[in-house]
């Protein structure tokens, strides 16, 4: 059974940084693409970044240049480094697992197969 567990969320001031982690268990980690999404209260789940099995990445326009997704196949983990955080980026951040395709750009939440429970990120001004 595939399990994804996020960690690293917290309360930070605008302009500061956080690094989120997602630990994966229950499958061969290196064979799939992974992504980060976020969901603010009353809003739909929003794509943030994706990394393929080969390490190719794609970031949403709103975070490009400030956020960086990465993965460590040896540790079965995927990360999201978030710099220069903004108050409007307050949300629950989720990691997601794509068992279907290794394409670089997959931004629709329903295309992902497994999800973690999420970690809260709160950015205050």
Protein backbone atom coordinates (compact mmCIF):
# COMPACT_ATOMS: atom_id res chain seq x y z
CA UNK A 1 0.00 0.00 0.00
CA UNK A 2 1.41 3.35 -1.08
CA UNK A 3 1.68 5.95 1.67
CA UNK A 4 2.77 9.57 1.37
CA UNK A 5 3.52 11.59 4.51
CA UNK A 6 4.23 15.32 4.32
CA UNK A 7 6.13 17.34 6.90
CA UNK A 8 7.85 20.68 7.29
CA UNK A 9 4.91 23.04 7.32
CA UNK A 10 4.64 25.86 9.82
CA UNK A 11 4.07 29.52 10.56
CA UNK A 12 6.43 31.97 8.86
CA UNK A 13 6.60 35.65 8.09
CA UNK A 14 6.27 36.92 4.53
CA UNK A 15 9.59 36.71 2.73
CA UNK A 16 10.86 33.78 4.72
CA UNK A 17 11.47 30.20 3.57
CA UNK A 18 10.25 26.71 4.34
CA UNK A 19 11.23 23.29 3.09
CA UNK A 20 8.54 20.66 2.82
CA UNK A 21 9.27 16.96 2.71
CA UNK A 22 7.22 14.01 1.53
CA UNK A 23 8.21 10.51 2.55
CA UNK A 24 6.98 7.71 0.30
CA UNK A 25 6.56 4.08 1.26
CA UNK A 26 4.94 1.01 -0.16
CA UNK A 27 6.26 1.03 -3.72
CA UNK A 28 9.31 1.47 -5.89
CA UNK A 29 9.74 5.19 -5.46
CA UNK A 30 12.04 5.94 -8.37
CA UNK A 31 9.64 4.72 -11.01
CA UNK A 32 6.99 7.47 -10.78
CA UNK A 33 6.41 11.18 -11.08
CA UNK A 34 5.58 13.22 -8.01
CA UNK A 35 4.03 16.62 -7.47
CA UNK A 36 3.08 19.24 -4.91
CA UNK A 37 -0.33 20.89 -4.76
CA UNK A 38 -1.83 23.35 -2.32
CA UNK A 39 -5.33 24.20 -1.21
CA UNK A 40 -6.41 27.34 0.58
CA UNK A 41 -9.72 27.53 2.47
CA UNK A 42 -12.64 27.83 0.08
CA UNK A 43 -10.47 27.33 -2.99
CA UNK A 44 -9.76 24.48 -5.35
CA UNK A 45 -6.60 22.42 -5.08
CA UNK A 46 -3.87 24.17 -7.05
CA UNK A 47 -0.87 22.69 -8.82
CA UNK A 48 2.51 23.90 -7.54
CA UNK A 49 5.30 21.75 -9.00
CA UNK A 50 6.08 18.35 -10.50
CA UNK A 51 9.16 16.16 -10.91
CA UNK A 52 9.44 13.14 -13.18
CA UNK A 53 11.27 9.89 -12.60
CA UNK A 54 14.19 11.28 -14.55
CA UNK A 55 14.33 14.48 -12.53
CA UNK A 56 12.72 16.85 -15.03
CA UNK A 57 10.72 19.52 -13.28
CA UNK A 58 7.84 21.88 -13.98
CA UNK A 59 6.74 24.71 -11.69
CA UNK A 60 3.56 26.76 -11.78
CA UNK A 61 4.06 30.29 -13.07
CA UNK A 62 3.11 31.74 -9.70
CA UNK A 63 6.01 30.02 -7.90
CA UNK A 64 8.66 29.74 -10.62
CA UNK A 65 11.92 31.24 -9.46
CA UNK A 66 10.95 31.01 -5.77
CA UNK A 67 9.99 27.36 -5.25
CA UNK A 68 12.05 24.32 -6.21
CA UNK A 69 10.91 20.72 -6.28
CA UNK A 70 13.48 17.94 -5.89
CA UNK A 71 13.64 14.26 -5.05
CA UNK A 72 16.00 11.81 -3.43
CA UNK A 73 15.39 8.33 -4.77
CA UNK A 74 17.72 6.75 -2.23
CA UNK A 75 15.67 8.19 0.64
CA UNK A 76 12.28 7.74 -1.07
CA UNK A 77 11.50 11.40 -0.59
CA UNK A 78 10.40 14.46 -2.53
CA UNK A 79 10.94 18.02 -1.36
CA UNK A 80 9.64 21.52 -1.97
CA UNK A 81 11.94 24.40 -1.14
CA UNK A 82 9.84 27.54 -0.81
CA UNK A 83 11.54 30.93 -0.71
CA UNK A 84 10.12 34.44 -0.48
CA UNK A 85 6.77 33.18 0.76
CA UNK A 86 3.71 35.40 0.45
CA UNK A 87 0.64 35.60 2.71
CA UNK A 88 -1.61 34.50 -0.18
CA UNK A 89 0.32 31.23 -0.27
CA UNK A 90 -1.14 30.18 3.04
CA UNK A 91 -2.64 26.75 2.39
CA UNK A 92 -2.45 23.07 3.09
CA UNK A 93 0.29 21.62 0.91
CA UNK A 94 -0.07 18.08 -0.42
CA UNK A 95 2.29 15.75 -2.21
CA UNK A 96 0.85 13.48 -4.87
CA UNK A 97 1.92 10.40 -6.78
CA UNK A 98 1.34 9.82 -10.50
CA UNK A 99 1.31 6.14 -11.47
CA UNK A 100 0.21 6.73 -15.04
CA UNK A 101 2.58 8.99 -16.91
CA UNK A 102 6.06 10.39 -16.82
CA UNK A 103 5.13 13.51 -18.80
CA UNK A 104 6.66 16.69 -17.47
CA UNK A 105 3.50 18.82 -17.39
CA UNK A 106 0.57 17.28 -15.54
CA UNK A 107 -1.28 19.91 -13.51
CA UNK A 108 -4.73 18.43 -12.91
CA UNK A 109 -5.27 16.99 -9.46
CA UNK A 110 -7.52 14.19 -10.69
CA UNK A 111 -4.64 12.81 -12.77
CA UNK A 112 -2.80 11.82 -9.61
CA UNK A 113 -3.31 8.52 -7.88
CA UNK A 114 -2.15 8.81 -4.30
CA UNK A 115 -2.11 11.73 -1.89
CA UNK A 116 -0.65 12.55 1.46
CA UNK A 117 -2.63 14.03 4.33
CA UNK A 118 -1.16 17.50 3.83
CA UNK A 119 0.89 19.92 5.88
CA UNK A 120 -0.26 23.42 6.84
CA UNK A 121 1.77 26.43 5.71
CA UNK A 122 0.75 29.79 7.16
CA UNK A 123 2.43 32.99 5.99
CA UNK A 124 1.73 36.20 7.92
CA UNK A 125 2.59 39.75 6.90
